[in-house]
Amino acid sequence: MTLPVIEVNMYKLLIVDDELVIRNGLSSLPWEENGIELSAVLKNGVEAEEWLDDNEPDIILTDIRMPGINGIELAKLALRSYPMVKIILLSGYGEFEYARDALRYGIFDYILKPSTPDEIISCIKKAAERKKNETGQNEKMKKLEEAVSDLSMLPKPKEETLTDEADEIDRIIQY
């Protein structure tokens, strides 16, 4: 007996952090059972920039402070190429104001270190839900645009020229 195939949208997650312990901890979370595909775990923004040249993640979870390209710079680079990507910054307590200011750049959210696995997974799931809603809205908009385009292809109604009848009515009114 074959079970029916259920299609599940897995959202692609990129993790970027320069601390090995953090990378290992984050990569060991139960992503798949939460609808998340762990696409890559990278140690700095430079590696992430190169990875982004050939890959499009749905969500990026990145540390703020890293050598080379920091989390804010990485976010700007990613958003330029993939404006729909959801970026979550990992921030130490002392970087709270820095992280909050980053929200102006289109950052989805930030997580203070240390955080529990449940808090991290919950934040990633919220980002995935937002991505799902935006994707659905974009698909509806495309369908609407296609429908409008299809309407513009219809033949235009013929304008009835009633000049003879209008002239006759004018003559009758004048008498």
N, C-alpha and C. Protein backbone atom coordinates (compact mmCIF):
# COMPACT_ATOMS: atom_id res chain seq x y z
N MET A 1 0.84 -1.18 0.00
CA MET A 1 0.00 0.00 0.00
C MET A 1 0.89 1.24 0.00
N THR A 2 0.59 2.14 -0.91
CA THR A 2 1.37 3.36 -1.00
C THR A 2 0.61 4.50 -0.34
N LEU A 3 1.31 5.23 0.49
CA LEU A 3 0.69 6.38 1.15
C LEU A 3 0.68 7.56 0.19
N PRO A 4 -0.34 8.41 0.29
CA PRO A 4 -0.37 9.59 -0.59
C PRO A 4 0.78 10.52 -0.27
N VAL A 5 1.28 11.16 -1.30
CA VAL A 5 2.37 12.11 -1.12
C VAL A 5 1.76 13.44 -0.70
N ILE A 6 2.24 13.94 0.39
CA ILE A 6 1.78 15.24 0.88
C ILE A 6 2.91 16.22 0.64
N GLU A 7 2.61 17.24 -0.15
CA GLU A 7 3.63 18.23 -0.47
C GLU A 7 3.72 19.25 0.66
N VAL A 8 4.90 19.39 1.21
CA VAL A 8 5.12 20.34 2.29
C VAL A 8 6.14 21.36 1.79
N ASN A 9 5.80 22.63 1.94
CA ASN A 9 6.75 23.67 1.58
C ASN A 9 7.79 23.79 2.68
N MET A 10 9.02 23.51 2.33
CA MET A 10 10.11 23.67 3.28
C MET A 10 10.76 25.02 2.98
N TYR A 11 10.96 25.78 4.01
CA TYR A 11 11.60 27.08 3.85
C TYR A 11 13.09 26.93 4.09
N LYS A 12 13.88 27.51 3.18
CA LYS A 12 15.34 27.36 3.22
C LYS A 12 15.95 28.36 4.19
N LEU A 13 16.72 27.82 5.14
CA LEU A 13 17.36 28.62 6.18
C LEU A 13 18.87 28.63 5.99
N LEU A 14 19.44 29.81 6.06
CA LEU A 14 20.89 29.99 6.06
C LEU A 14 21.27 30.50 7.45
N ILE A 15 22.23 29.83 8.09
CA ILE A 15 22.74 30.26 9.39
C ILE A 15 24.16 30.78 9.20
N VAL A 16 24.42 31.97 9.76
CA VAL A 16 25.76 32.56 9.66
C VAL A 16 26.17 33.06 11.05
N ASP A 17 27.25 32.50 11.57
CA ASP A 17 27.77 32.93 12.88
C ASP A 17 29.24 32.56 12.94
N ASP A 18 30.04 33.45 13.50
CA ASP A 18 31.48 33.19 13.55
C ASP A 18 31.88 32.30 14.73
N GLU A 19 30.97 32.03 15.66
CA GLU A 19 31.29 31.18 16.80
C GLU A 19 30.86 29.74 16.52
N LEU A 20 31.83 28.83 16.54
CA LEU A 20 31.59 27.42 16.25
C LEU A 20 30.52 26.82 17.17
N VAL A 21 30.57 27.14 18.44
CA VAL A 21 29.60 26.59 19.40
C VAL A 21 28.18 27.02 19.01
N ILE A 22 28.02 28.26 18.64
CA ILE A 22 26.69 28.77 18.24
C ILE A 22 26.24 28.07 16.96
N ARG A 23 27.13 27.99 15.96
CA ARG A 23 26.79 27.32 14.70
C ARG A 23 26.34 25.89 14.95
N ASN A 24 27.13 25.16 15.77
CA ASN A 24 26.79 23.77 16.05
C ASN A 24 25.46 23.66 16.78
N GLY A 25 25.24 24.54 17.75
CA GLY A 25 23.98 24.52 18.50
C GLY A 25 22.78 24.81 17.60
N LEU A 26 22.90 25.84 16.78
CA LEU A 26 21.79 26.21 15.88
C LEU A 26 21.52 25.13 14.84
N SER A 27 22.58 24.54 14.32
CA SER A 27 22.38 23.54 13.27
C SER A 27 21.79 22.23 13.82
N SER A 28 21.89 22.04 15.14
CA SER A 28 21.36 20.80 15.72
C SER A 28 19.87 20.90 16.11
N LEU A 29 19.26 22.05 15.93
CA LEU A 29 17.84 22.20 16.27
C LEU A 29 16.99 21.41 15.28
N PRO A 30 15.79 20.99 15.68
CA PRO A 30 14.93 20.15 14.81
C PRO A 30 14.25 20.96 13.71
N TRP A 31 15.02 21.40 12.73
CA TRP A 31 14.49 22.27 11.68
C TRP A 31 13.47 21.58 10.80
N GLU A 32 13.80 20.39 10.33
CA GLU A 32 12.92 19.72 9.36
C GLU A 32 11.53 19.47 9.92
N GLU A 33 11.44 19.07 11.17
CA GLU A 33 10.12 18.81 11.74
C GLU A 33 9.33 20.11 11.95
N ASN A 34 9.98 21.23 11.75
CA ASN A 34 9.32 22.52 11.84
C ASN A 34 9.15 23.19 10.47
N GLY A 35 9.31 22.40 9.40
CA GLY A 35 9.09 22.91 8.05
C GLY A 35 10.24 23.73 7.49
N ILE A 36 11.42 23.55 8.06
CA ILE A 36 12.59 24.34 7.67
C ILE A 36 13.67 23.41 7.14
N GLU A 37 14.22 23.78 5.98
CA GLU A 37 15.36 23.05 5.42
C GLU A 37 16.62 23.85 5.73
N LEU A 38 17.54 23.24 6.44
CA LEU A 38 18.80 23.93 6.75
C LEU A 38 19.68 23.85 5.51
N SER A 39 19.77 24.97 4.78
CA SER A 39 20.48 24.99 3.50
C SER A 39 21.99 25.09 3.66
N ALA A 40 22.44 25.90 4.62
CA ALA A 40 23.88 26.07 4.83
C ALA A 40 24.12 26.65 6.21
N VAL A 41 25.29 26.32 6.76
CA VAL A 41 25.75 26.89 8.02
C VAL A 41 27.15 27.43 7.73
N LEU A 42 27.28 28.75 7.80
CA LEU A 42 28.54 29.40 7.39
C LEU A 42 29.13 30.19 8.55
N LYS A 43 30.48 30.39 8.48
CA LYS A 43 31.16 30.99 9.63
C LYS A 43 31.35 32.50 9.57
N ASN A 44 31.01 33.13 8.44
CA ASN A 44 31.12 34.59 8.40
C ASN A 44 30.35 35.18 7.21
N GLY A 45 30.27 36.48 7.20
CA GLY A 45 29.53 37.17 6.15
C GLY A 45 30.17 37.06 4.78
N VAL A 46 31.48 36.92 4.73
CA VAL A 46 32.17 36.78 3.44
C VAL A 46 31.75 35.46 2.78
N GLU A 47 31.76 34.38 3.55
CA GLU A 47 31.30 33.09 3.01
C GLU A 47 29.84 33.18 2.58
N ALA A 48 29.04 33.87 3.41
CA ALA A 48 27.61 33.99 3.10
C ALA A 48 27.39 34.78 1.81
N GLU A 49 28.16 35.83 1.62
CA GLU A 49 28.03 36.63 0.39
C GLU A 49 28.30 35.76 -0.83
N GLU A 50 29.34 34.95 -0.77
CA GLU A 50 29.66 34.05 -1.88
C GLU A 50 28.56 33.02 -2.09
N TRP A 51 28.05 32.46 -0.99
CA TRP A 51 26.98 31.45 -1.06
C TRP A 51 25.73 32.06 -1.69
N LEU A 52 25.44 33.31 -1.35
CA LEU A 52 24.23 33.98 -1.87
C LEU A 52 24.30 34.25 -3.38
N ASP A 53 25.51 34.22 -3.94
CA ASP A 53 25.63 34.40 -5.39
C ASP A 53 24.90 33.30 -6.16
N ASP A 54 24.85 32.10 -5.58
CA ASP A 54 24.26 30.95 -6.28
C ASP A 54 23.04 30.35 -5.58
N ASN A 55 22.64 30.90 -4.46
CA ASN A 55 21.57 30.31 -3.67
C ASN A 55 20.63 31.39 -3.14
N GLU A 56 19.35 31.05 -3.07
CA GLU A 56 18.36 31.99 -2.54
C GLU A 56 17.67 31.38 -1.33
N PRO A 57 18.04 31.85 -0.14
CA PRO A 57 17.37 31.34 1.05
C PRO A 57 16.04 32.07 1.27
N ASP A 58 15.17 31.48 2.06
CA ASP A 58 13.95 32.16 2.47
C ASP A 58 14.17 32.96 3.74
N ILE A 59 15.06 32.42 4.59
CA ILE A 59 15.34 33.03 5.89
C ILE A 59 16.84 32.98 6.14
N ILE A 60 17.36 34.08 6.69
CA ILE A 60 18.77 34.11 7.11
C ILE A 60 18.80 34.42 8.59
N LEU A 61 19.47 33.57 9.35
CA LEU A 61 19.70 33.78 10.78
C LEU A 61 21.18 34.08 10.93
N THR A 62 21.51 35.32 11.28
CA THR A 62 22.91 35.73 11.29
C THR A 62 23.27 36.51 12.55
N ASP A 63 24.50 36.30 12.98
CA ASP A 63 25.05 37.09 14.07
C ASP A 63 25.25 38.52 13.57
N ILE A 64 25.18 39.48 14.49
CA ILE A 64 25.43 40.87 14.09
C ILE A 64 26.92 41.11 13.92
N ARG A 65 27.68 40.74 14.94
CA ARG A 65 29.12 41.05 14.92
C ARG A 65 29.91 39.86 14.42
N MET A 66 30.51 40.05 13.25
CA MET A 66 31.38 39.02 12.66
C MET A 66 32.51 39.74 11.94
N PRO A 67 33.64 39.09 11.81
CA PRO A 67 34.73 39.71 11.05
C PRO A 67 34.39 39.78 9.56
N GLY A 68 34.95 40.75 8.88
CA GLY A 68 34.71 40.89 7.44
C GLY A 68 33.42 41.61 7.17
N ILE A 69 32.39 40.88 6.90
CA ILE A 69 31.06 41.45 6.64
C ILE A 69 30.19 41.14 7.86
N ASN A 70 29.71 42.20 8.53
CA ASN A 70 28.87 41.94 9.71
C ASN A 70 27.44 41.62 9.29
N GLY A 71 26.62 41.30 10.27
CA GLY A 71 25.25 40.88 9.99
C GLY A 71 24.39 41.93 9.30
N ILE A 72 24.59 43.19 9.67
CA ILE A 72 23.82 44.27 9.04
C ILE A 72 24.22 44.41 7.57
N GLU A 73 25.52 44.41 7.30
CA GLU A 73 25.99 44.50 5.92
C GLU A 73 25.51 43.31 5.10
N LEU A 74 25.55 42.12 5.71
CA LEU A 74 25.08 40.91 5.03
C LEU A 74 23.59 41.05 4.71
N ALA A 75 22.84 41.57 5.66
CA ALA A 75 21.39 41.77 5.44
C ALA A 75 21.15 42.69 4.26
N LYS A 76 21.88 43.78 4.19
CA LYS A 76 21.71 44.72 3.07
C LYS A 76 22.02 44.04 1.74
N LEU A 77 23.12 43.27 1.70
CA LEU A 77 23.49 42.55 0.48
C LEU A 77 22.40 41.56 0.07
N ALA A 78 21.93 40.80 1.04
CA ALA A 78 20.93 39.77 0.76
C ALA A 78 19.63 40.41 0.28
N LEU A 79 19.20 41.47 0.94
CA LEU A 79 17.94 42.12 0.58
C LEU A 79 18.01 42.77 -0.80
N ARG A 80 19.19 43.20 -1.20
CA ARG A 80 19.34 43.76 -2.55
C ARG A 80 19.08 42.71 -3.61
N SER A 81 19.59 41.51 -3.38
CA SER A 81 19.41 40.42 -4.35
C SER A 81 18.08 39.70 -4.18
N TYR A 82 17.64 39.56 -2.95
CA TYR A 82 16.43 38.80 -2.64
C TYR A 82 15.54 39.62 -1.70
N PRO A 83 14.78 40.55 -2.22
CA PRO A 83 14.01 41.46 -1.37
C PRO A 83 12.97 40.78 -0.48
N MET A 84 12.61 39.54 -0.79
CA MET A 84 11.60 38.85 0.01
C MET A 84 12.21 37.99 1.13
N VAL A 85 13.54 37.93 1.21
CA VAL A 85 14.20 37.11 2.23
C VAL A 85 13.91 37.71 3.62
N LYS A 86 13.73 36.84 4.59
CA LYS A 86 13.49 37.26 5.97
C LYS A 86 14.80 37.10 6.73
N ILE A 87 15.23 38.19 7.36
CA ILE A 87 16.51 38.18 8.06
C ILE A 87 16.28 38.37 9.54
N ILE A 88 16.90 37.48 10.32
CA ILE A 88 16.82 37.54 11.78
C ILE A 88 18.24 37.68 12.30
N LEU A 89 18.45 38.70 13.10
CA LEU A 89 19.77 38.96 13.66
C LEU A 89 19.90 38.34 15.04
N LEU A 90 21.05 37.74 15.29
CA LEU A 90 21.40 37.27 16.62
C LEU A 90 22.22 38.37 17.28
N SER A 91 21.79 38.80 18.45
CA SER A 91 22.43 39.95 19.07
C SER A 91 22.75 39.68 20.52
N GLY A 92 23.93 40.08 20.94
CA GLY A 92 24.27 40.05 22.36
C GLY A 92 23.56 41.17 23.07
N TYR A 93 23.44 41.08 24.36
CA TYR A 93 22.69 42.08 25.13
C TYR A 93 23.19 43.49 24.87
N GLY A 94 24.51 43.68 24.81
CA GLY A 94 25.09 45.00 24.60
C GLY A 94 24.82 45.57 23.22
N GLU A 95 24.36 44.74 22.29
CA GLU A 95 24.11 45.17 20.91
C GLU A 95 22.62 45.42 20.66
N PHE A 96 21.82 45.45 21.73
CA PHE A 96 20.37 45.55 21.60
C PHE A 96 19.96 46.78 20.78
N GLU A 97 20.50 47.94 21.11
CA GLU A 97 20.13 49.17 20.38
C GLU A 97 20.54 49.07 18.91
N TYR A 98 21.69 48.50 18.68
CA TYR A 98 22.19 48.30 17.32
C TYR A 98 21.22 47.42 16.53
N ALA A 99 20.78 46.34 17.16
CA ALA A 99 19.85 45.42 16.50
C ALA A 99 18.50 46.10 16.25
N ARG A 100 18.02 46.85 17.22
CA ARG A 100 16.73 47.52 17.06
C ARG A 100 16.79 48.52 15.91
N ASP A 101 17.88 49.26 15.82
CA ASP A 101 18.04 50.21 14.71
C ASP A 101 18.07 49.50 13.37
N ALA A 102 18.57 48.26 13.35
CA ALA A 102 18.67 47.50 12.11
C ALA A 102 17.31 47.16 11.53
N LEU A 103 16.28 47.18 12.35
CA LEU A 103 14.94 46.88 11.85
C LEU A 103 14.52 47.87 10.76
N ARG A 104 15.11 49.06 10.77
CA ARG A 104 14.81 50.05 9.73
C ARG A 104 15.28 49.60 8.35
N TYR A 105 16.23 48.70 8.31
CA TYR A 105 16.79 48.24 7.03
C TYR A 105 15.99 47.09 6.42
N GLY A 106 14.91 46.70 7.04
CA GLY A 106 14.12 45.60 6.51
C GLY A 106 14.42 44.27 7.18
N ILE A 107 15.08 44.32 8.33
CA ILE A 107 15.34 43.12 9.10
C ILE A 107 14.00 42.63 9.67
N PHE A 108 13.73 41.36 9.58
CA PHE A 108 12.46 40.82 10.07
C PHE A 108 12.38 40.88 11.60
N ASP A 109 13.45 40.42 12.27
CA ASP A 109 13.42 40.38 13.74
C ASP A 109 14.84 40.21 14.25
N TYR A 110 14.98 40.27 15.57
CA TYR A 110 16.26 39.97 16.19
C TYR A 110 16.03 39.12 17.42
N ILE A 111 17.03 38.34 17.74
CA ILE A 111 16.97 37.44 18.89
C ILE A 111 18.17 37.78 19.77
N LEU A 112 17.90 37.98 21.05
CA LEU A 112 18.99 38.24 21.98
C LEU A 112 19.66 36.94 22.39
N LYS A 113 20.99 36.98 22.45
CA LYS A 113 21.76 35.84 22.96
C LYS A 113 21.87 36.00 24.47
N PRO A 114 21.78 34.98 25.24
CA PRO A 114 21.38 33.63 24.85
C PRO A 114 19.86 33.53 24.77
N SER A 115 19.40 32.63 23.94
CA SER A 115 17.97 32.34 23.78
C SER A 115 17.76 30.84 23.84
N THR A 116 16.56 30.44 24.16
CA THR A 116 16.25 29.01 24.21
C THR A 116 16.00 28.50 22.79
N PRO A 117 16.16 27.21 22.58
CA PRO A 117 15.83 26.66 21.26
C PRO A 117 14.39 26.96 20.85
N ASP A 118 13.46 26.90 21.81
CA ASP A 118 12.06 27.19 21.48
C ASP A 118 11.87 28.63 20.99
N GLU A 119 12.57 29.58 21.60
CA GLU A 119 12.47 30.98 21.18
C GLU A 119 13.02 31.15 19.76
N ILE A 120 14.12 30.48 19.49
CA ILE A 120 14.73 30.59 18.16
C ILE A 120 13.83 29.95 17.11
N ILE A 121 13.35 28.76 17.38
CA ILE A 121 12.47 28.07 16.43
C ILE A 121 11.19 28.86 16.21
N SER A 122 10.64 29.41 17.28
CA SER A 122 9.42 30.20 17.17
C SER A 122 9.63 31.41 16.26
N CYS A 123 10.74 32.09 16.41
CA CYS A 123 11.04 33.26 15.58
C CYS A 123 11.20 32.86 14.11
N ILE A 124 11.89 31.77 13.87
CA ILE A 124 12.08 31.29 12.49
C ILE A 124 10.74 30.89 11.88
N LYS A 125 9.89 30.25 12.68
CA LYS A 125 8.57 29.85 12.17
C LYS A 125 7.71 31.07 11.84
N LYS A 126 7.82 32.13 12.63
CA LYS A 126 7.09 33.37 12.33
C LYS A 126 7.57 33.95 11.01
N ALA A 127 8.88 33.91 10.79
CA ALA A 127 9.44 34.41 9.53
C ALA A 127 8.93 33.56 8.36
N ALA A 128 8.87 32.25 8.56
CA ALA A 128 8.37 31.36 7.50
C ALA A 128 6.90 31.64 7.23
N GLU A 129 6.13 31.90 8.26
CA GLU A 129 4.70 32.21 8.09
C GLU A 129 4.52 33.51 7.32
N ARG A 130 5.32 34.51 7.66
CA ARG A 130 5.26 35.79 6.93
C ARG A 130 5.62 35.57 5.47
N LYS A 131 6.66 34.78 5.23
CA LYS A 131 7.08 34.47 3.86
C LYS A 131 5.95 33.78 3.11
N LYS A 132 5.28 32.83 3.77
CA LYS A 132 4.16 32.11 3.16
C LYS A 132 3.03 33.08 2.80
N ASN A 133 2.69 33.98 3.71
CA ASN A 133 1.63 34.95 3.46
C ASN A 133 1.99 35.88 2.30
N GLU A 134 3.22 36.35 2.28
CA GLU A 134 3.65 37.24 1.21
C GLU A 134 3.67 36.52 -0.13
N THR A 135 4.12 35.27 -0.12
CA THR A 135 4.14 34.49 -1.35
C THR A 135 2.73 34.29 -1.87
N GLY A 136 1.80 33.99 -0.96
CA GLY A 136 0.40 33.84 -1.35
C GLY A 136 -0.17 35.12 -1.93
N GLN A 137 0.16 36.25 -1.32
CA GLN A 137 -0.32 37.54 -1.82
C GLN A 137 0.27 37.82 -3.19
N ASN A 138 1.54 37.50 -3.37
CA ASN A 138 2.18 37.72 -4.68
C ASN A 138 1.53 36.85 -5.75
N GLU A 139 1.21 35.60 -5.40
CA GLU A 139 0.56 34.71 -6.37
C GLU A 139 -0.83 35.23 -6.74
N LYS A 140 -1.57 35.73 -5.75
CA LYS A 140 -2.90 36.30 -6.03
C LYS A 140 -2.77 37.53 -6.93
N MET A 141 -1.77 38.35 -6.67
CA MET A 141 -1.55 39.54 -7.49
C MET A 141 -1.21 39.16 -8.92
N LYS A 142 -0.38 38.13 -9.11
CA LYS A 142 -0.04 37.67 -10.45
C LYS A 142 -1.27 37.18 -11.19
N LYS A 143 -2.13 36.42 -10.48
CA LYS A 143 -3.36 35.92 -11.11
C LYS A 143 -4.27 37.08 -11.49
N LEU A 144 -4.36 38.08 -10.64
CA LEU A 144 -5.17 39.26 -10.94
C LEU A 144 -4.62 40.00 -12.15
N GLU A 145 -3.31 40.16 -12.20
CA GLU A 145 -2.68 40.82 -13.35
C GLU A 145 -2.93 40.03 -14.63
N GLU A 146 -2.85 38.70 -14.55
CA GLU A 146 -3.12 37.86 -15.72
C GLU A 146 -4.57 38.02 -16.17
N ALA A 147 -5.49 38.07 -15.21
CA ALA A 147 -6.91 38.23 -15.54
C ALA A 147 -7.15 39.57 -16.22
N VAL A 148 -6.53 40.61 -15.71
CA VAL A 148 -6.68 41.94 -16.32
C VAL A 148 -6.06 41.93 -17.71
N SER A 149 -4.93 41.28 -17.85
CA SER A 149 -4.29 41.18 -19.16
C SER A 149 -5.18 40.43 -20.13
N ASP A 150 -5.81 39.35 -19.65
CA ASP A 150 -6.72 38.58 -20.51
C ASP A 150 -7.90 39.44 -20.94
N LEU A 151 -8.40 40.28 -20.06
CA LEU A 151 -9.52 41.16 -20.41
C LEU A 151 -9.13 42.16 -21.49
N SER A 152 -7.91 42.63 -21.42
CA SER A 152 -7.48 43.62 -22.41
C SER A 152 -7.34 43.00 -23.80
N MET A 153 -7.29 41.66 -23.85
CA MET A 153 -7.18 40.97 -25.14
C MET A 153 -8.54 40.79 -25.81
N LEU A 154 -9.63 40.99 -25.05
CA LEU A 154 -10.96 40.84 -25.62
C LEU A 154 -11.22 41.92 -26.66
N PRO A 155 -12.01 41.58 -27.67
CA PRO A 155 -12.31 42.61 -28.67
C PRO A 155 -13.14 43.71 -28.02
N LYS A 156 -12.87 44.91 -28.42
CA LYS A 156 -13.60 46.04 -27.89
C LYS A 156 -15.00 46.07 -28.52
N PRO A 157 -16.00 46.44 -27.73
CA PRO A 157 -17.36 46.50 -28.29
C PRO A 157 -17.43 47.56 -29.39
N LYS A 158 -18.24 47.25 -30.39
CA LYS A 158 -18.40 48.19 -31.49
C LYS A 158 -19.22 49.37 -31.00
N GLU A 159 -18.74 50.53 -31.34
CA GLU A 159 -19.52 51.72 -31.01
C GLU A 159 -20.63 51.82 -32.03
N GLU A 160 -21.83 51.85 -31.52
CA GLU A 160 -22.94 51.95 -32.44
C GLU A 160 -23.06 53.40 -32.89
N THR A 161 -23.05 53.57 -34.15
CA THR A 161 -23.20 54.92 -34.66
C THR A 161 -24.66 55.15 -34.97
N LEU A 162 -25.24 55.98 -34.19
CA LEU A 162 -26.66 56.29 -34.34
C LEU A 162 -26.85 57.67 -34.95
N THR A 163 -25.94 58.05 -35.78
CA THR A 163 -26.02 59.41 -36.32
C THR A 163 -27.30 59.64 -37.11
N ASP A 164 -27.72 58.64 -37.89
CA ASP A 164 -28.95 58.82 -38.66
C ASP A 164 -30.14 58.98 -37.73
N GLU A 165 -30.22 58.12 -36.72
CA GLU A 165 -31.32 58.19 -35.77
C GLU A 165 -31.25 59.48 -34.97
N ALA A 166 -30.04 59.89 -34.56
CA ALA A 166 -29.89 61.12 -33.79
C ALA A 166 -30.30 62.32 -34.63
N ASP A 167 -29.93 62.33 -35.91
CA ASP A 167 -30.33 63.43 -36.78
C ASP A 167 -31.84 63.50 -36.91
N GLU A 168 -32.48 62.35 -37.02
CA GLU A 168 -33.94 62.29 -37.14
C GLU A 168 -34.60 62.84 -35.89
N ILE A 169 -34.06 62.47 -34.73
CA ILE A 169 -34.62 62.96 -33.46
C ILE A 169 -34.45 64.47 -33.36
N ASP A 170 -33.28 64.97 -33.76
CA ASP A 170 -33.06 66.41 -33.72
C ASP A 170 -34.07 67.14 -34.61
N ARG A 171 -34.36 66.61 -35.78
CA ARG A 171 -35.30 67.24 -36.71
C ARG A 171 -36.70 67.27 -36.09
N ILE A 172 -37.08 66.17 -35.43
CA ILE A 172 -38.42 66.09 -34.83
C ILE A 172 -38.51 67.10 -33.70
N ILE A 173 -37.49 67.24 -32.89
CA ILE A 173 -37.51 68.15 -31.76
C ILE A 173 -37.58 69.59 -32.24
N GLN A 174 -36.94 69.90 -33.30
CA GLN A 174 -36.92 71.28 -33.79
C GLN A 174 -38.28 71.71 -34.30
N TYR A 175 -39.14 70.81 -34.70
CA TYR A 175 -40.46 71.19 -35.21
C TYR A 175 -41.43 71.36 -34.13
